Amino acid sequence: MRHSVYTYPFEEDHLEKTIVPKSHNRPLWEIFQDNKMWIDNFIMPCRALIIHVKLHRKELRNFNLMFCDSPPECGAIVSEILGLPRIDLKLAGAMRFFKDISVVSYIPDILSWNTDKMSFVERVANLLYHVLMSATIMYNYALCDGLRREFDVQEERSFQDSINKVEMVIIMGHFALEYPQPILPGTR
């Protein structure tokens, strides 16, 4: 199988040294205060990948299809640079970040400690988790739009539209196990 390899901009154990210690046993507010560190851990590898693609564009154009695993945001930009159709591979748990706002008061957010039997205060906290995660995702998309401008990706669409211009999404996991949810009101 033909493939291409690029140089990852961090050391091999970078995530174990930075993200893991800063994500465990800390209040959620402190985790969100480190937002720049979290986003940089996604944007820097994207920048390195895009540089690799720009340098090797001629040989990479011989591919027929792109499979994008991690981070998928880079794949949207790379597929536009190369003009290739794209298939995204996503973890089932990550799909919880993109839930409809109408179910926020019933489905616990991925970073919360709530159960499906939330009190009113827990539902409000769950809504705040959802708003903070949505703001972080929008900030990340704005930075990715900046990468598109930086590397002259001439598509006339937003980065959000680029993410959605995927041929297929393969969810790695079992929906019922990784995305459990209570039965919503009015459902039989």
N, C-alpha and C. Protein backbone atom coordinates (compact mmCIF):
# COMPACT_ATOMS: atom_id res chain seq x y z
N MET A 1 0.84 -1.17 0.00
CA MET A 1 0.00 0.00 0.00
C MET A 1 0.89 1.24 0.00
N ARG A 2 0.63 2.16 -0.90
CA ARG A 2 1.39 3.40 -0.94
C ARG A 2 0.98 4.27 0.23
N HIS A 3 1.97 4.94 0.80
CA HIS A 3 1.69 5.85 1.90
C HIS A 3 2.79 6.90 1.98
N SER A 4 2.57 7.91 2.78
CA SER A 4 3.56 8.95 2.98
C SER A 4 3.71 9.20 4.47
N VAL A 5 4.92 9.47 4.93
CA VAL A 5 5.20 9.67 6.35
C VAL A 5 5.79 11.07 6.53
N TYR A 6 5.32 11.79 7.52
CA TYR A 6 5.88 13.11 7.81
C TYR A 6 6.46 13.13 9.22
N THR A 7 7.29 14.13 9.49
CA THR A 7 7.93 14.24 10.80
C THR A 7 6.99 14.91 11.78
N TYR A 8 6.67 14.22 12.84
CA TYR A 8 5.80 14.75 13.89
C TYR A 8 6.59 15.78 14.70
N PRO A 9 6.01 16.96 14.97
CA PRO A 9 6.79 18.04 15.58
C PRO A 9 7.09 17.89 17.07
N PHE A 10 6.58 16.86 17.72
CA PHE A 10 6.81 16.66 19.15
C PHE A 10 7.63 15.39 19.38
N GLU A 11 8.17 15.29 20.58
CA GLU A 11 8.86 14.05 20.95
C GLU A 11 7.83 12.93 21.07
N GLU A 12 8.31 11.70 21.04
CA GLU A 12 7.41 10.55 21.06
C GLU A 12 6.51 10.52 22.30
N ASP A 13 7.04 10.90 23.45
CA ASP A 13 6.27 10.84 24.69
C ASP A 13 5.72 12.22 25.11
N HIS A 14 5.57 13.12 24.16
CA HIS A 14 5.11 14.47 24.45
C HIS A 14 3.74 14.49 25.14
N LEU A 15 2.79 13.73 24.61
CA LEU A 15 1.45 13.73 25.20
C LEU A 15 1.45 13.18 26.62
N GLU A 16 2.25 12.15 26.86
CA GLU A 16 2.33 11.58 28.20
C GLU A 16 2.94 12.56 29.20
N LYS A 17 3.83 13.42 28.72
CA LYS A 17 4.48 14.39 29.61
C LYS A 17 3.66 15.66 29.81
N THR A 18 2.83 16.02 28.84
CA THR A 18 2.12 17.29 28.93
C THR A 18 0.63 17.13 29.21
N ILE A 19 -0.08 16.50 28.29
CA ILE A 19 -1.54 16.45 28.41
C ILE A 19 -2.00 15.54 29.52
N VAL A 20 -1.45 14.35 29.63
CA VAL A 20 -1.94 13.39 30.63
C VAL A 20 -1.81 13.95 32.05
N PRO A 21 -0.62 14.47 32.47
CA PRO A 21 -0.56 15.00 33.83
C PRO A 21 -1.47 16.21 34.05
N LYS A 22 -1.69 17.00 33.00
CA LYS A 22 -2.51 18.20 33.17
C LYS A 22 -4.00 17.93 33.02
N SER A 23 -4.38 16.72 32.67
CA SER A 23 -5.80 16.44 32.49
C SER A 23 -6.39 15.60 33.61
N HIS A 24 -5.54 15.04 34.46
CA HIS A 24 -6.04 14.19 35.54
C HIS A 24 -5.97 14.91 36.88
N ASN A 25 -6.98 14.66 37.69
CA ASN A 25 -7.03 15.16 39.06
C ASN A 25 -6.91 16.68 39.16
N ARG A 26 -7.52 17.36 38.21
CA ARG A 26 -7.55 18.82 38.24
C ARG A 26 -8.99 19.26 38.03
N PRO A 27 -9.35 20.39 38.61
CA PRO A 27 -10.69 20.92 38.34
C PRO A 27 -10.82 21.28 36.86
N LEU A 28 -12.03 21.15 36.34
CA LEU A 28 -12.28 21.41 34.93
C LEU A 28 -11.89 22.84 34.55
N TRP A 29 -12.12 23.80 35.45
CA TRP A 29 -11.79 25.19 35.13
C TRP A 29 -10.29 25.36 34.86
N GLU A 30 -9.45 24.68 35.61
CA GLU A 30 -8.00 24.77 35.37
C GLU A 30 -7.63 24.14 34.03
N ILE A 31 -8.32 23.08 33.67
CA ILE A 31 -8.07 22.44 32.38
C ILE A 31 -8.41 23.41 31.25
N PHE A 32 -9.54 24.11 31.36
CA PHE A 32 -9.93 25.07 30.33
C PHE A 32 -9.00 26.27 30.30
N GLN A 33 -8.39 26.62 31.44
CA GLN A 33 -7.44 27.73 31.44
C GLN A 33 -6.20 27.39 30.63
N ASP A 34 -5.90 26.13 30.46
CA ASP A 34 -4.77 25.69 29.64
C ASP A 34 -5.18 25.50 28.18
N ASN A 35 -6.21 26.20 27.77
CA ASN A 35 -6.78 26.02 26.44
C ASN A 35 -5.75 26.18 25.33
N LYS A 36 -4.87 27.16 25.43
CA LYS A 36 -3.85 27.38 24.39
C LYS A 36 -2.96 26.15 24.24
N MET A 37 -2.58 25.54 25.38
CA MET A 37 -1.74 24.33 25.30
C MET A 37 -2.49 23.21 24.57
N TRP A 38 -3.78 23.05 24.88
CA TRP A 38 -4.57 21.99 24.26
C TRP A 38 -4.66 22.21 22.76
N ILE A 39 -4.96 23.44 22.36
CA ILE A 39 -5.13 23.75 20.94
C ILE A 39 -3.80 23.63 20.21
N ASP A 40 -2.70 24.09 20.82
CA ASP A 40 -1.39 23.98 20.18
C ASP A 40 -1.02 22.53 19.89
N ASN A 41 -1.46 21.63 20.74
CA ASN A 41 -1.17 20.21 20.52
C ASN A 41 -1.90 19.65 19.30
N PHE A 42 -2.89 20.38 18.78
CA PHE A 42 -3.55 19.99 17.54
C PHE A 42 -3.04 20.80 16.35
N ILE A 43 -2.80 22.09 16.55
CA ILE A 43 -2.43 22.97 15.44
C ILE A 43 -0.99 22.73 14.98
N MET A 44 -0.06 22.53 15.89
CA MET A 44 1.35 22.34 15.49
C MET A 44 1.54 21.10 14.61
N PRO A 45 0.96 19.95 14.93
CA PRO A 45 1.08 18.81 14.02
C PRO A 45 0.41 19.08 12.66
N CYS A 46 -0.69 19.82 12.66
CA CYS A 46 -1.34 20.17 11.39
C CYS A 46 -0.40 21.00 10.53
N ARG A 47 0.23 21.98 11.14
CA ARG A 47 1.17 22.84 10.40
C ARG A 47 2.29 21.98 9.81
N ALA A 48 2.86 21.07 10.61
CA ALA A 48 3.94 20.20 10.13
C ALA A 48 3.46 19.32 8.98
N LEU A 49 2.26 18.79 9.08
CA LEU A 49 1.71 17.95 8.02
C LEU A 49 1.49 18.75 6.74
N ILE A 50 0.97 19.95 6.86
CA ILE A 50 0.72 20.77 5.68
C ILE A 50 2.03 21.17 5.00
N ILE A 51 3.05 21.46 5.78
CA ILE A 51 4.37 21.76 5.21
C ILE A 51 4.89 20.54 4.44
N HIS A 52 4.74 19.36 5.02
CA HIS A 52 5.15 18.12 4.35
C HIS A 52 4.41 17.95 3.03
N VAL A 53 3.11 18.19 3.05
CA VAL A 53 2.29 18.03 1.84
C VAL A 53 2.71 19.04 0.78
N LYS A 54 2.95 20.28 1.19
CA LYS A 54 3.38 21.30 0.22
C LYS A 54 4.72 20.91 -0.42
N LEU A 55 5.64 20.36 0.39
CA LEU A 55 6.96 19.98 -0.13
C LEU A 55 6.89 18.76 -1.06
N HIS A 56 5.94 17.86 -0.80
CA HIS A 56 5.85 16.62 -1.56
C HIS A 56 4.56 16.55 -2.39
N ARG A 57 4.03 17.68 -2.75
CA ARG A 57 2.73 17.74 -3.43
C ARG A 57 2.70 16.91 -4.72
N LYS A 58 3.75 16.98 -5.50
CA LYS A 58 3.76 16.29 -6.79
C LYS A 58 3.60 14.78 -6.62
N GLU A 59 4.36 14.18 -5.71
CA GLU A 59 4.25 12.73 -5.52
C GLU A 59 2.97 12.34 -4.80
N LEU A 60 2.44 13.21 -3.95
CA LEU A 60 1.21 12.89 -3.22
C LEU A 60 -0.03 12.98 -4.11
N ARG A 61 0.06 13.68 -5.21
CA ARG A 61 -1.09 13.78 -6.12
C ARG A 61 -1.39 12.44 -6.81
N ASN A 62 -0.48 11.48 -6.71
CA ASN A 62 -0.70 10.18 -7.33
C ASN A 62 -1.66 9.30 -6.54
N PHE A 63 -2.04 9.73 -5.34
CA PHE A 63 -2.98 8.97 -4.53
C PHE A 63 -4.40 9.21 -5.04
N ASN A 64 -5.29 8.25 -4.78
CA ASN A 64 -6.68 8.36 -5.21
C ASN A 64 -7.63 8.73 -4.08
N LEU A 65 -7.20 8.49 -2.84
CA LEU A 65 -8.09 8.64 -1.69
C LEU A 65 -7.27 8.92 -0.44
N MET A 66 -7.83 9.69 0.47
CA MET A 66 -7.18 9.96 1.74
C MET A 66 -7.99 9.37 2.88
N PHE A 67 -7.33 8.62 3.76
CA PHE A 67 -7.93 8.20 5.02
C PHE A 67 -7.35 9.10 6.10
N CYS A 68 -8.21 9.76 6.85
CA CYS A 68 -7.76 10.70 7.87
C CYS A 68 -8.13 10.16 9.24
N ASP A 69 -7.12 9.97 10.07
CA ASP A 69 -7.36 9.45 11.40
C ASP A 69 -7.22 10.58 12.42
N SER A 70 -6.03 10.91 12.78
CA SER A 70 -5.85 11.87 13.86
C SER A 70 -4.76 12.84 13.51
N PRO A 71 -4.98 14.10 13.65
CA PRO A 71 -6.26 14.79 13.85
C PRO A 71 -6.99 14.97 12.53
N PRO A 72 -8.31 14.75 12.51
CA PRO A 72 -9.06 14.85 11.26
C PRO A 72 -9.07 16.25 10.68
N GLU A 73 -8.90 17.28 11.49
CA GLU A 73 -8.93 18.65 10.99
C GLU A 73 -7.85 18.85 9.93
N CYS A 74 -6.70 18.25 10.11
CA CYS A 74 -5.62 18.38 9.13
C CYS A 74 -6.02 17.76 7.81
N GLY A 75 -6.72 16.67 7.86
CA GLY A 75 -7.12 15.97 6.64
C GLY A 75 -7.99 16.82 5.75
N ALA A 76 -8.84 17.64 6.33
CA ALA A 76 -9.71 18.50 5.52
C ALA A 76 -8.88 19.49 4.71
N ILE A 77 -7.85 20.04 5.32
CA ILE A 77 -6.99 21.00 4.62
C ILE A 77 -6.14 20.28 3.58
N VAL A 78 -5.56 19.15 3.95
CA VAL A 78 -4.69 18.40 3.04
C VAL A 78 -5.49 17.90 1.83
N SER A 79 -6.70 17.40 2.06
CA SER A 79 -7.49 16.90 0.93
C SER A 79 -7.82 18.03 -0.04
N GLU A 80 -8.01 19.25 0.47
CA GLU A 80 -8.25 20.38 -0.43
C GLU A 80 -6.99 20.78 -1.18
N ILE A 81 -5.84 20.71 -0.53
CA ILE A 81 -4.58 21.04 -1.20
C ILE A 81 -4.33 20.06 -2.35
N LEU A 82 -4.57 18.78 -2.08
CA LEU A 82 -4.27 17.75 -3.07
C LEU A 82 -5.45 17.44 -4.01
N GLY A 83 -6.63 17.93 -3.67
CA GLY A 83 -7.80 17.65 -4.49
C GLY A 83 -8.23 16.19 -4.42
N LEU A 84 -8.06 15.58 -3.24
CA LEU A 84 -8.40 14.16 -3.06
C LEU A 84 -9.68 14.00 -2.25
N PRO A 85 -10.50 12.99 -2.57
CA PRO A 85 -11.62 12.66 -1.69
C PRO A 85 -11.10 12.10 -0.37
N ARG A 86 -11.89 12.26 0.70
CA ARG A 86 -11.41 11.94 2.03
C ARG A 86 -12.41 11.07 2.79
N ILE A 87 -11.87 10.11 3.54
CA ILE A 87 -12.66 9.31 4.48
C ILE A 87 -12.09 9.56 5.87
N ASP A 88 -12.93 10.00 6.80
CA ASP A 88 -12.48 10.28 8.18
C ASP A 88 -12.77 9.09 9.07
N LEU A 89 -11.81 8.76 9.91
CA LEU A 89 -11.97 7.75 10.95
C LEU A 89 -12.07 8.49 12.28
N LYS A 90 -13.16 8.29 13.01
CA LYS A 90 -13.36 9.02 14.26
C LYS A 90 -13.71 8.05 15.38
N LEU A 91 -13.22 8.38 16.57
CA LEU A 91 -13.59 7.62 17.75
C LEU A 91 -15.05 7.91 18.08
N ALA A 92 -15.77 6.93 18.51
CA ALA A 92 -17.19 7.12 18.81
C ALA A 92 -17.38 8.12 19.95
N GLY A 93 -16.51 8.09 20.95
CA GLY A 93 -16.64 9.01 22.08
C GLY A 93 -16.54 10.46 21.68
N ALA A 94 -15.70 10.76 20.68
CA ALA A 94 -15.53 12.15 20.23
C ALA A 94 -16.80 12.69 19.59
N MET A 95 -17.66 11.83 19.13
CA MET A 95 -18.90 12.29 18.50
C MET A 95 -19.80 12.98 19.52
N ARG A 96 -19.58 12.76 20.80
CA ARG A 96 -20.40 13.40 21.83
C ARG A 96 -20.18 14.91 21.88
N PHE A 97 -19.06 15.39 21.32
CA PHE A 97 -18.84 16.84 21.29
C PHE A 97 -19.81 17.54 20.35
N PHE A 98 -20.41 16.81 19.41
CA PHE A 98 -21.22 17.43 18.38
C PHE A 98 -22.69 17.12 18.54
N LYS A 99 -23.13 16.97 19.77
CA LYS A 99 -24.53 16.66 19.98
C LYS A 99 -25.40 17.91 19.82
N ASP A 100 -26.64 17.67 19.55
CA ASP A 100 -27.62 18.73 19.37
C ASP A 100 -27.85 19.41 20.71
N ILE A 101 -28.01 20.73 20.69
CA ILE A 101 -28.20 21.49 21.93
C ILE A 101 -29.46 21.03 22.68
N SER A 102 -30.45 20.49 21.97
CA SER A 102 -31.69 20.08 22.61
C SER A 102 -31.51 18.92 23.58
N VAL A 103 -30.43 18.15 23.45
CA VAL A 103 -30.25 17.01 24.33
C VAL A 103 -29.23 17.28 25.45
N VAL A 104 -28.71 18.50 25.53
CA VAL A 104 -27.69 18.83 26.53
C VAL A 104 -28.19 18.59 27.94
N SER A 105 -29.46 18.87 28.21
CA SER A 105 -29.94 18.70 29.57
C SER A 105 -30.28 17.25 29.90
N TYR A 106 -30.14 16.34 28.92
CA TYR A 106 -30.44 14.94 29.16
C TYR A 106 -29.22 14.03 29.05
N ILE A 107 -28.25 14.41 28.22
CA ILE A 107 -27.07 13.58 28.01
C ILE A 107 -25.87 14.25 28.67
N PRO A 108 -25.23 13.61 29.62
CA PRO A 108 -24.08 14.21 30.29
C PRO A 108 -22.95 14.51 29.30
N ASP A 109 -22.33 15.66 29.46
CA ASP A 109 -21.23 16.03 28.59
C ASP A 109 -20.05 15.09 28.81
N ILE A 110 -19.21 14.96 27.79
CA ILE A 110 -18.11 14.00 27.84
C ILE A 110 -17.11 14.32 28.96
N LEU A 111 -16.97 15.58 29.34
CA LEU A 111 -16.02 15.94 30.39
C LEU A 111 -16.65 16.08 31.77
N SER A 112 -17.95 15.92 31.86
CA SER A 112 -18.60 16.08 33.15
C SER A 112 -18.63 14.75 33.91
N TRP A 113 -18.93 14.85 35.18
CA TRP A 113 -19.02 13.66 36.02
C TRP A 113 -20.48 13.32 36.28
N ASN A 114 -21.37 13.94 35.54
CA ASN A 114 -22.80 13.74 35.74
C ASN A 114 -23.24 12.38 35.22
N THR A 115 -24.36 11.93 35.75
CA THR A 115 -25.00 10.71 35.25
C THR A 115 -26.23 11.12 34.45
N ASP A 116 -26.99 10.15 33.97
CA ASP A 116 -28.20 10.48 33.23
C ASP A 116 -29.32 10.96 34.15
N LYS A 117 -29.14 10.89 35.46
CA LYS A 117 -30.14 11.37 36.41
C LYS A 117 -29.62 12.67 37.04
N MET A 118 -29.58 13.73 36.23
CA MET A 118 -29.02 15.01 36.67
C MET A 118 -30.06 15.85 37.39
N SER A 119 -29.60 16.53 38.43
CA SER A 119 -30.44 17.53 39.08
C SER A 119 -30.43 18.80 38.22
N PHE A 120 -31.22 19.79 38.62
CA PHE A 120 -31.26 21.04 37.86
C PHE A 120 -29.89 21.69 37.81
N VAL A 121 -29.19 21.73 38.93
CA VAL A 121 -27.85 22.35 38.99
C VAL A 121 -26.88 21.59 38.09
N GLU A 122 -26.96 20.27 38.10
CA GLU A 122 -26.08 19.47 37.24
C GLU A 122 -26.40 19.71 35.76
N ARG A 123 -27.67 19.92 35.46
CA ARG A 123 -28.05 20.21 34.07
C ARG A 123 -27.49 21.56 33.63
N VAL A 124 -27.53 22.54 34.51
CA VAL A 124 -26.94 23.85 34.19
C VAL A 124 -25.43 23.72 34.00
N ALA A 125 -24.78 22.97 34.89
CA ALA A 125 -23.33 22.75 34.75
C ALA A 125 -23.03 22.02 33.44
N ASN A 126 -23.87 21.06 33.07
CA ASN A 126 -23.69 20.33 31.83
C ASN A 126 -23.81 21.28 30.63
N LEU A 127 -24.74 22.22 30.71
CA LEU A 127 -24.88 23.21 29.65
C LEU A 127 -23.62 24.07 29.56
N LEU A 128 -23.04 24.43 30.70
CA LEU A 128 -21.80 25.22 30.69
C LEU A 128 -20.65 24.43 30.08
N TYR A 129 -20.54 23.14 30.40
CA TYR A 129 -19.53 22.29 29.76
C TYR A 129 -19.71 22.33 28.24
N HIS A 130 -20.96 22.18 27.82
CA HIS A 130 -21.26 22.16 26.39
C HIS A 130 -20.86 23.48 25.73
N VAL A 131 -21.19 24.60 26.36
CA VAL A 131 -20.86 25.91 25.81
C VAL A 131 -19.35 26.10 25.73
N LEU A 132 -18.63 25.72 26.79
CA LEU A 132 -17.17 25.84 26.77
C LEU A 132 -16.54 24.96 25.69
N MET A 133 -17.03 23.74 25.54
CA MET A 133 -16.49 22.87 24.50
C MET A 133 -16.81 23.41 23.11
N SER A 134 -18.01 23.94 22.93
CA SER A 134 -18.38 24.52 21.64
C SER A 134 -17.50 25.72 21.31
N ALA A 135 -17.22 26.56 22.31
CA ALA A 135 -16.35 27.72 22.10
C ALA A 135 -14.93 27.26 21.74
N THR A 136 -14.45 26.22 22.40
CA THR A 136 -13.11 25.69 22.10
C THR A 136 -13.05 25.15 20.68
N ILE A 137 -14.08 24.44 20.26
CA ILE A 137 -14.12 23.91 18.90
C ILE A 137 -14.16 25.05 17.88
N MET A 138 -14.95 26.09 18.15
CA MET A 138 -15.00 27.23 17.24
C MET A 138 -13.65 27.94 17.16
N TYR A 139 -12.97 28.06 18.30
CA TYR A 139 -11.63 28.67 18.32
C TYR A 139 -10.66 27.82 17.50
N ASN A 140 -10.71 26.52 17.66
CA ASN A 140 -9.86 25.61 16.89
C ASN A 140 -10.15 25.75 15.39
N TYR A 141 -11.42 25.84 15.02
CA TYR A 141 -11.77 26.01 13.61
C TYR A 141 -11.26 27.34 13.08
N ALA A 142 -11.29 28.39 13.89
CA ALA A 142 -10.76 29.69 13.47
C ALA A 142 -9.26 29.59 13.22
N LEU A 143 -8.55 28.87 14.09
CA LEU A 143 -7.11 28.67 13.87
C LEU A 143 -6.85 27.86 12.61
N CYS A 144 -7.68 26.87 12.35
CA CYS A 144 -7.54 26.08 11.12
C CYS A 144 -7.84 26.93 9.89
N ASP A 145 -8.80 27.85 9.99
CA ASP A 145 -9.02 28.80 8.90
C ASP A 145 -7.76 29.63 8.67
N GLY A 146 -7.08 29.99 9.77
CA GLY A 146 -5.81 30.71 9.67
C GLY A 146 -4.75 29.89 8.95
N LEU A 147 -4.71 28.59 9.22
CA LEU A 147 -3.77 27.70 8.51
C LEU A 147 -4.09 27.67 7.02
N ARG A 148 -5.35 27.63 6.70
CA ARG A 148 -5.74 27.63 5.28
C ARG A 148 -5.27 28.91 4.59
N ARG A 149 -5.41 30.05 5.25
CA ARG A 149 -4.93 31.30 4.67
C ARG A 149 -3.40 31.32 4.59
N GLU A 150 -2.75 30.84 5.67
CA GLU A 150 -1.29 30.83 5.72
C GLU A 150 -0.69 30.01 4.58
N PHE A 151 -1.33 28.89 4.22
CA PHE A 151 -0.80 28.00 3.19
C PHE A 151 -1.53 28.14 1.85
N ASP A 152 -2.25 29.23 1.69
CA ASP A 152 -2.91 29.56 0.41
C ASP A 152 -3.81 28.45 -0.12
N VAL A 153 -4.63 27.91 0.73
CA VAL A 153 -5.65 26.98 0.27
C VAL A 153 -6.77 27.85 -0.28
N GLN A 154 -6.96 27.81 -1.58
CA GLN A 154 -7.82 28.77 -2.27
C GLN A 154 -9.29 28.35 -2.35
N GLU A 155 -9.71 27.49 -1.50
CA GLU A 155 -11.11 27.09 -1.52
C GLU A 155 -12.00 28.25 -1.05
N GLU A 156 -13.14 28.39 -1.66
CA GLU A 156 -14.08 29.46 -1.31
C GLU A 156 -15.13 28.97 -0.31
N ARG A 157 -14.67 28.34 0.73
CA ARG A 157 -15.59 27.85 1.76
C ARG A 157 -14.93 28.03 3.11
N SER A 158 -15.73 27.91 4.15
CA SER A 158 -15.19 28.01 5.51
C SER A 158 -14.55 26.68 5.89
N PHE A 159 -13.79 26.69 6.95
CA PHE A 159 -13.18 25.45 7.41
C PHE A 159 -14.26 24.46 7.85
N GLN A 160 -15.32 24.96 8.46
CA GLN A 160 -16.43 24.09 8.86
C GLN A 160 -17.00 23.35 7.65
N ASP A 161 -17.15 24.06 6.54
CA ASP A 161 -17.64 23.41 5.32
C ASP A 161 -16.63 22.38 4.81
N SER A 162 -15.34 22.68 4.97
CA SER A 162 -14.31 21.72 4.55
C SER A 162 -14.38 20.44 5.37
N ILE A 163 -14.61 20.58 6.67
CA ILE A 163 -14.75 19.40 7.54
C ILE A 163 -15.92 18.55 7.06
N ASN A 164 -17.00 19.21 6.69
CA ASN A 164 -18.21 18.49 6.29
C ASN A 164 -18.12 17.93 4.87
N LYS A 165 -17.12 18.34 4.10
CA LYS A 165 -16.97 17.84 2.73
C LYS A 165 -16.15 16.54 2.77
N VAL A 166 -16.73 15.54 3.35
CA VAL A 166 -16.08 14.24 3.50
C VAL A 166 -16.93 13.20 2.78
N GLU A 167 -16.28 12.25 2.16
CA GLU A 167 -17.02 11.22 1.44
C GLU A 167 -17.73 10.26 2.39
N MET A 168 -17.03 9.93 3.51
CA MET A 168 -17.58 8.97 4.46
C MET A 168 -16.90 9.18 5.82
N VAL A 169 -17.65 8.94 6.88
CA VAL A 169 -17.09 8.95 8.23
C VAL A 169 -17.25 7.55 8.80
N ILE A 170 -16.15 6.96 9.22
CA ILE A 170 -16.19 5.64 9.84
C ILE A 170 -16.00 5.86 11.34
N ILE A 171 -16.98 5.45 12.11
CA ILE A 171 -16.91 5.62 13.56
C ILE A 171 -16.31 4.35 14.15
N MET A 172 -15.18 4.52 14.84
CA MET A 172 -14.47 3.38 15.42
C MET A 172 -14.98 3.13 16.83
N GLY A 173 -15.87 2.23 16.96
CA GLY A 173 -16.44 1.91 18.25
C GLY A 173 -17.88 1.47 18.08
N HIS A 174 -18.47 1.09 19.15
CA HIS A 174 -19.85 0.65 19.15
C HIS A 174 -20.71 1.78 19.71
N PHE A 175 -21.64 2.25 18.90
CA PHE A 175 -22.45 3.40 19.26
C PHE A 175 -23.16 3.20 20.61
N ALA A 176 -23.74 2.04 20.82
CA ALA A 176 -24.51 1.81 22.04
C ALA A 176 -23.63 1.78 23.29
N LEU A 177 -22.36 1.38 23.15
CA LEU A 177 -21.48 1.31 24.30
C LEU A 177 -20.77 2.64 24.58
N GLU A 178 -20.38 3.35 23.53
CA GLU A 178 -19.60 4.56 23.72
C GLU A 178 -20.44 5.82 23.70
N TYR A 179 -21.68 5.73 23.40
CA TYR A 179 -22.55 6.89 23.35
C TYR A 179 -23.88 6.58 24.02
N PRO A 180 -23.83 6.08 25.25
CA PRO A 180 -25.09 5.76 25.91
C PRO A 180 -25.85 7.03 26.25
N GLN A 181 -27.14 6.96 26.18
CA GLN A 181 -27.94 8.12 26.54
C GLN A 181 -29.26 7.65 27.12
N PRO A 182 -29.81 8.44 28.00
CA PRO A 182 -31.12 8.08 28.54
C PRO A 182 -32.19 8.26 27.48
N ILE A 183 -33.33 7.66 27.70
CA ILE A 183 -34.44 7.84 26.81
C ILE A 183 -34.98 9.25 27.02
N LEU A 184 -35.09 10.01 25.94
CA LEU A 184 -35.54 11.39 26.04
C LEU A 184 -37.02 11.46 26.33
N PRO A 185 -37.44 12.56 26.95
CA PRO A 185 -38.88 12.71 27.24
C PRO A 185 -39.71 12.64 25.96
N GLY A 186 -40.87 12.05 26.06
CA GLY A 186 -41.76 11.95 24.92
C GLY A 186 -41.40 10.81 23.97
N THR A 187 -40.42 9.97 24.33
CA THR A 187 -40.01 8.85 23.49
C THR A 187 -40.58 7.57 24.08
N ARG A 188 -41.11 6.73 23.23
CA ARG A 188 -41.66 5.46 23.73
C ARG A 188 -40.80 4.32 23.26
